[in-house]
Amino acid sequence: MAKIEIPNALKADMPQTILGRIMSATPVVMTVIATMLAGLASSEMTKAQYDRSLAAQQQSKAGDQWSFFQAKRLRSALQHNTLDLLQASNDIHPLDIVSLTQPSTPSDGTQKIVALLATNEGLDAFAFLQKGELPATPSASPVAPEITAALLAIENLKPAAEIAALLAKVSDKLLTETIVTAKERTDAFDAATKPINRVIDTTEDALLSQPASPAKRDFTAARLRFAALRYDNEARLNQTIANLYELQVRKNNISAERHHGRSQRFFYGMLERRWR
């Protein structure tokens, strides 16, 4: 900062009293205060820009999760529609594993299915297909009441001020930990269904060499039913993560607005001191 000098002519006109000294020092003090306020205004604006940038990154992550949600809901609907058409045009029965291993025309594919049934992975997968159920996944951890309240407020289109007050009670650490937990639950479900998907893909390849049969249609129906359930569950998991990211976006946007307002006040204060 450049050194501030008072012209000698003004110094000579000022009385050499306490009041005169105060008056001579006032411009220097005002300039120092104005400089400090300018620095604070710049600092607050930098913080606001950082929060906006962080909110944009989180919005991108939320957008990815919403895209996964929509894609999986569409895939689930496709599986349901295909299953409905199959049931409308054919008689569908519960999956009979023995029928798959004893087709009217044995082939190399039949041996692949027999080999699958000799493994625990294959037996477990066919058990889920027969029951039309998904594998068990870790139950959802209880969500903090503060987060639940904020999500409900957004869902019910409450005023922005009310949502901001609820979000103020949610710490960044708590929200981040909740997102991590939700992702871990998604990963656990993916790990639980991967072996079943492998068995389904292998069985489908094996059945390509077999002629059309009731057992083959029953397997197709079981596969469609399982896939629809899986996509529905994955969509719900993605929706949960997306909603949590949306909370992060709102929190950072609110923080950015607060820093922006503080920057404006410091800037106006700086202008006021310079005009005096």
Protein backbone atom coordinates (compact mmCIF):
# COMPACT_ATOMS: atom_id res chain seq x y z
CA MET A 1 0.00 0.00 0.00
CA ALA A 2 1.40 3.42 -0.98
CA LYS A 3 2.38 5.78 1.82
CA ILE A 4 -0.26 8.43 2.44
CA GLU A 5 1.06 11.98 2.83
CA ILE A 6 -0.92 15.07 3.86
CA PRO A 7 0.10 18.19 1.89
CA ASN A 8 2.31 20.61 3.85
CA ALA A 9 -0.11 23.47 3.22
CA LEU A 10 -2.88 21.58 5.00
CA LYS A 11 -0.54 20.68 7.85
CA ALA A 12 0.31 24.34 8.37
CA ASP A 13 -3.37 25.32 8.51
CA MET A 14 -4.23 22.72 11.14
CA PRO A 15 -4.04 23.81 14.76
CA GLN A 16 -1.36 21.95 16.74
CA THR A 17 -3.86 20.65 19.27
CA ILE A 18 -5.28 17.21 20.04
CA LEU A 19 -8.27 17.94 17.81
CA GLY A 20 -5.98 19.10 15.03
CA ARG A 21 -3.93 15.95 15.24
CA ILE A 22 -7.09 13.83 15.15
CA MET A 23 -8.32 15.72 12.09
CA SER A 24 -4.97 15.31 10.35
CA ALA A 25 -4.95 11.57 11.06
CA THR A 26 -8.57 11.01 9.98
CA PRO A 27 -7.87 10.73 6.19
CA VAL A 28 -5.13 8.19 6.87
CA VAL A 29 -7.38 6.12 9.15
CA MET A 30 -10.26 6.27 6.66
CA THR A 31 -7.99 5.12 3.84
CA VAL A 32 -6.70 2.22 5.94
CA ILE A 33 -10.26 1.20 6.87
CA ALA A 34 -11.36 1.45 3.23
CA THR A 35 -8.44 -0.75 2.17
CA MET A 36 -9.33 -3.32 4.83
CA LEU A 37 -12.97 -3.34 3.75
CA ALA A 38 -11.91 -3.79 0.11
CA GLY A 39 -9.84 -6.80 1.13
CA LEU A 40 -12.73 -8.28 3.10
CA ALA A 41 -15.10 -7.70 0.17
CA SER A 42 -12.70 -9.50 -2.16
CA SER A 43 -12.28 -12.38 0.31
CA GLU A 44 -16.04 -12.85 0.69
CA MET A 45 -16.52 -12.75 -3.08
CA THR A 46 -13.85 -15.45 -3.48
CA LYS A 47 -15.67 -17.63 -0.94
CA ALA A 48 -18.95 -17.07 -2.77
CA GLN A 49 -17.39 -18.10 -6.09
CA TYR A 50 -15.90 -21.21 -4.48
CA ASP A 51 -19.28 -22.24 -3.06
CA ARG A 52 -20.94 -21.65 -6.44
CA SER A 53 -18.31 -23.78 -8.15
CA LEU A 54 -18.71 -26.55 -5.57
CA ALA A 55 -22.49 -26.42 -5.95
CA ALA A 56 -22.10 -26.77 -9.73
CA GLN A 57 -19.93 -29.88 -9.28
CA GLN A 58 -22.45 -31.39 -6.89
CA GLN A 59 -25.29 -30.55 -9.27
CA SER A 60 -23.44 -32.48 -11.96
CA LYS A 61 -23.19 -35.50 -9.64
CA ALA A 62 -26.88 -35.20 -8.81
CA GLY A 63 -27.65 -35.03 -12.52
CA ASP A 64 -25.73 -38.26 -13.11
CA GLN A 65 -27.74 -40.02 -10.41
CA TRP A 66 -31.02 -38.70 -11.85
CA SER A 67 -29.95 -39.98 -15.28
CA PHE A 68 -29.26 -43.43 -13.81
CA PHE A 69 -32.63 -43.29 -12.06
CA GLN A 70 -34.53 -42.48 -15.26
CA ALA A 71 -32.64 -45.03 -17.35
CA LYS A 72 -33.29 -47.83 -14.87
CA ARG A 73 -36.95 -46.94 -14.51
CA LEU A 74 -37.27 -47.12 -18.29
CA ARG A 75 -35.47 -50.47 -18.37
CA SER A 76 -37.73 -51.77 -15.63
CA ALA A 77 -40.80 -50.68 -17.57
CA LEU A 78 -39.44 -52.44 -20.66
CA GLN A 79 -38.92 -55.68 -18.71
CA HIS A 80 -42.45 -55.47 -17.28
CA ASN A 81 -43.98 -54.81 -20.71
CA THR A 82 -42.08 -57.70 -22.31
CA LEU A 83 -43.13 -60.01 -19.49
CA ASP A 84 -46.77 -58.98 -19.89
CA LEU A 85 -46.65 -59.73 -23.62
CA LEU A 86 -45.01 -63.09 -22.98
CA GLN A 87 -47.65 -64.04 -20.41
CA ALA A 88 -50.46 -62.89 -22.70
CA SER A 89 -49.31 -65.06 -25.59
CA ASN A 90 -48.08 -68.15 -23.72
CA ASP A 91 -48.70 -70.21 -20.62
CA ILE A 92 -45.97 -69.37 -18.13
CA HIS A 93 -45.14 -71.73 -15.27
CA PRO A 94 -42.77 -71.53 -12.31
CA LEU A 95 -39.18 -72.13 -13.36
CA ASP A 96 -38.30 -75.84 -13.39
CA ILE A 97 -34.54 -76.36 -13.29
CA VAL A 98 -34.80 -80.07 -14.13
CA SER A 99 -36.57 -79.26 -17.40
CA LEU A 100 -33.68 -77.00 -18.42
CA THR A 101 -31.21 -79.84 -17.97
CA GLN A 102 -33.35 -82.39 -19.82
CA PRO A 103 -34.38 -80.82 -23.15
CA SER A 104 -35.85 -82.85 -25.96
CA THR A 105 -32.67 -82.27 -27.96
CA PRO A 106 -29.53 -82.35 -25.76
CA SER A 107 -26.72 -79.97 -26.76
CA ASP A 108 -23.47 -78.50 -25.49
CA GLY A 109 -25.54 -75.78 -23.83
CA THR A 110 -27.25 -78.39 -21.68
CA GLN A 111 -23.89 -79.40 -20.25
CA LYS A 112 -23.15 -75.77 -19.38
CA ILE A 113 -26.38 -75.55 -17.38
CA VAL A 114 -25.59 -78.82 -15.61
CA ALA A 115 -22.14 -77.45 -14.76
CA LEU A 116 -23.71 -74.27 -13.40
CA LEU A 117 -26.01 -76.24 -11.12
CA ALA A 118 -22.97 -78.00 -9.70
CA THR A 119 -21.75 -74.70 -8.23
CA ASN A 120 -23.08 -72.81 -5.21
CA GLU A 121 -23.27 -69.65 -7.30
CA GLY A 122 -25.49 -71.35 -9.85
CA LEU A 123 -27.76 -72.95 -7.23
CA ASP A 124 -28.18 -69.64 -5.39
CA ALA A 125 -28.95 -67.76 -8.60
CA PHE A 126 -31.60 -70.24 -9.76
CA ALA A 127 -33.14 -70.17 -6.28
CA PHE A 128 -33.65 -66.40 -6.58
CA LEU A 129 -35.06 -66.82 -10.10
CA GLN A 130 -37.52 -69.46 -8.92
CA LYS A 131 -38.72 -67.34 -6.00
CA GLY A 132 -38.75 -64.09 -7.99
CA GLU A 133 -36.83 -62.30 -5.24
CA LEU A 134 -33.76 -60.11 -4.93
CA PRO A 135 -30.76 -61.02 -2.77
CA ALA A 136 -30.68 -59.48 0.68
CA THR A 137 -28.71 -56.24 0.95
CA PRO A 138 -27.65 -54.22 3.99
CA SER A 139 -30.68 -52.44 5.42
CA ALA A 140 -30.73 -48.68 5.12
CA SER A 141 -29.22 -46.86 8.08
CA PRO A 142 -31.60 -44.49 9.88
CA VAL A 143 -31.36 -41.07 8.24
CA ALA A 144 -30.78 -38.16 10.63
CA PRO A 145 -34.03 -36.31 11.49
CA GLU A 146 -32.52 -33.03 10.25
CA ILE A 147 -31.90 -34.48 6.79
CA THR A 148 -35.33 -36.11 6.66
CA ALA A 149 -37.00 -32.81 7.58
CA ALA A 150 -35.11 -30.95 4.85
CA LEU A 151 -35.97 -33.58 2.22
CA LEU A 152 -39.65 -33.47 3.16
CA ALA A 153 -39.66 -29.67 2.97
CA ILE A 154 -38.23 -29.78 -0.56
CA GLU A 155 -40.64 -32.54 -1.59
CA ASN A 156 -43.61 -30.52 -0.29
CA LEU A 157 -42.39 -27.32 -2.02
CA LYS A 158 -42.02 -25.34 1.19
CA PRO A 159 -40.83 -21.69 1.01
CA ALA A 160 -37.12 -21.17 0.38
CA ALA A 161 -36.66 -19.46 3.76
CA GLU A 162 -38.11 -22.47 5.58
CA ILE A 163 -35.90 -24.89 3.62
CA ALA A 164 -32.83 -22.74 4.34
CA ALA A 165 -33.60 -22.79 8.07
CA LEU A 166 -33.85 -26.59 8.02
CA LEU A 167 -30.64 -26.97 6.00
CA ALA A 168 -28.80 -24.77 8.50
CA LYS A 169 -29.30 -27.57 11.04
CA VAL A 170 -27.62 -30.12 8.74
CA SER A 171 -23.84 -30.14 9.05
CA ASP A 172 -21.65 -30.72 6.00
CA LYS A 173 -20.00 -33.67 7.74
CA LEU A 174 -23.34 -35.36 8.49
CA LEU A 175 -24.56 -34.91 4.92
CA THR A 176 -21.31 -36.23 3.45
CA GLU A 177 -21.38 -39.29 5.72
CA THR A 178 -25.00 -39.99 4.72
CA ILE A 179 -24.08 -39.85 1.03
CA VAL A 180 -21.15 -42.21 1.58
CA THR A 181 -23.45 -44.65 3.41
CA ALA A 182 -25.99 -44.52 0.57
CA LYS A 183 -23.26 -45.21 -2.00
CA GLU A 184 -21.94 -48.13 0.03
CA ARG A 185 -25.44 -49.61 0.12
CA THR A 186 -25.67 -49.26 -3.67
CA ASP A 187 -22.29 -50.95 -4.11
CA ALA A 188 -23.35 -53.78 -1.78
CA PHE A 189 -26.49 -54.42 -3.84
CA ASP A 190 -24.46 -54.38 -7.05
CA ALA A 191 -22.01 -56.90 -5.58
CA ALA A 192 -24.88 -59.15 -4.46
CA THR A 193 -26.54 -59.22 -7.90
CA LYS A 194 -23.42 -59.62 -10.05
CA PRO A 195 -23.12 -63.41 -9.50
CA ILE A 196 -26.80 -63.87 -10.38
CA ASN A 197 -26.40 -61.78 -13.53
CA ARG A 198 -23.42 -63.92 -14.55
CA VAL A 199 -25.47 -67.10 -14.14
CA ILE A 200 -28.36 -65.59 -16.12
CA ASP A 201 -26.05 -64.55 -18.99
CA THR A 202 -24.37 -67.96 -19.08
CA THR A 203 -27.72 -69.76 -19.05
CA GLU A 204 -29.06 -67.56 -21.85
CA ASP A 205 -26.04 -68.38 -24.01
CA ALA A 206 -26.50 -72.08 -23.25
CA LEU A 207 -30.19 -71.99 -24.20
CA LEU A 208 -29.49 -70.46 -27.62
CA SER A 209 -28.60 -73.89 -28.95
CA GLN A 210 -31.86 -75.42 -27.68
CA PRO A 211 -35.14 -75.32 -29.61
CA ALA A 212 -38.09 -73.36 -28.27
CA SER A 213 -39.74 -75.09 -25.34
CA PRO A 214 -41.96 -74.32 -22.32
CA ALA A 215 -38.91 -74.57 -20.04
CA LYS A 216 -37.05 -72.01 -22.15
CA ARG A 217 -40.02 -69.60 -22.00
CA ASP A 218 -40.30 -70.11 -18.23
CA PHE A 219 -36.65 -69.17 -17.84
CA THR A 220 -37.15 -66.06 -19.98
CA ALA A 221 -40.11 -65.03 -17.82
CA ALA A 222 -38.10 -65.58 -14.63
CA ARG A 223 -35.22 -63.57 -16.07
CA LEU A 224 -37.49 -60.66 -17.02
CA ARG A 225 -39.14 -60.69 -13.60
CA PHE A 226 -35.80 -60.62 -11.80
CA ALA A 227 -34.40 -57.88 -14.07
CA ALA A 228 -37.47 -55.68 -13.46
CA LEU A 229 -37.09 -56.06 -9.70
CA ARG A 230 -33.37 -55.29 -9.90
CA TYR A 231 -33.83 -52.16 -12.00
CA ASP A 232 -36.60 -50.91 -9.70
CA ASN A 233 -34.39 -51.32 -6.65
CA GLU A 234 -31.36 -49.74 -8.31
CA ALA A 235 -33.50 -46.78 -9.40
CA ARG A 236 -34.62 -46.20 -5.81
CA LEU A 237 -31.01 -46.32 -4.61
CA ASN A 238 -29.95 -43.79 -7.26
CA GLN A 239 -32.89 -41.57 -6.33
CA THR A 240 -31.80 -41.53 -2.69
CA ILE A 241 -28.26 -40.46 -3.60
CA ALA A 242 -29.55 -37.81 -6.01
CA ASN A 243 -31.78 -36.27 -3.34
CA LEU A 244 -28.85 -36.07 -0.92
CA TYR A 245 -26.69 -34.39 -3.55
CA GLU A 246 -29.51 -31.88 -4.12
CA LEU A 247 -29.30 -30.97 -0.43
CA GLN A 248 -25.58 -30.32 -0.82
CA VAL A 249 -26.28 -28.11 -3.83
CA ARG A 250 -28.82 -26.05 -1.89
CA LYS A 251 -26.53 -25.71 1.13
CA ASN A 252 -23.63 -24.42 -0.97
CA ASN A 253 -25.85 -22.05 -2.95
CA ILE A 254 -27.21 -20.62 0.31
CA SER A 255 -23.65 -20.23 1.60
CA ALA A 256 -22.63 -18.51 -1.65
CA GLU A 257 -25.51 -16.05 -1.36
CA ARG A 258 -24.52 -15.26 2.22
CA HIS A 259 -20.90 -14.58 1.26
CA HIS A 260 -22.05 -12.52 -1.74
CA GLY A 261 -24.22 -10.36 0.53
CA ARG A 262 -21.35 -9.84 2.98
CA SER A 263 -19.07 -8.89 0.08
CA GLN A 264 -21.55 -6.25 -1.07
CA ARG A 265 -21.82 -4.74 2.40
CA PHE A 266 -18.04 -4.58 2.79
CA PHE A 267 -17.77 -3.00 -0.67
CA TYR A 268 -20.36 -0.33 0.10
CA GLY A 269 -18.59 0.34 3.41
CA MET A 270 -15.32 0.80 1.55
CA LEU A 271 -16.94 3.31 -0.84
CA GLU A 272 -18.45 5.21 2.05
CA ARG A 273 -15.09 5.55 3.82
CA ARG A 274 -13.38 6.76 0.67
CA TRP A 275 -15.99 9.45 0.03
CA ARG A 276 -15.66 10.84 3.53
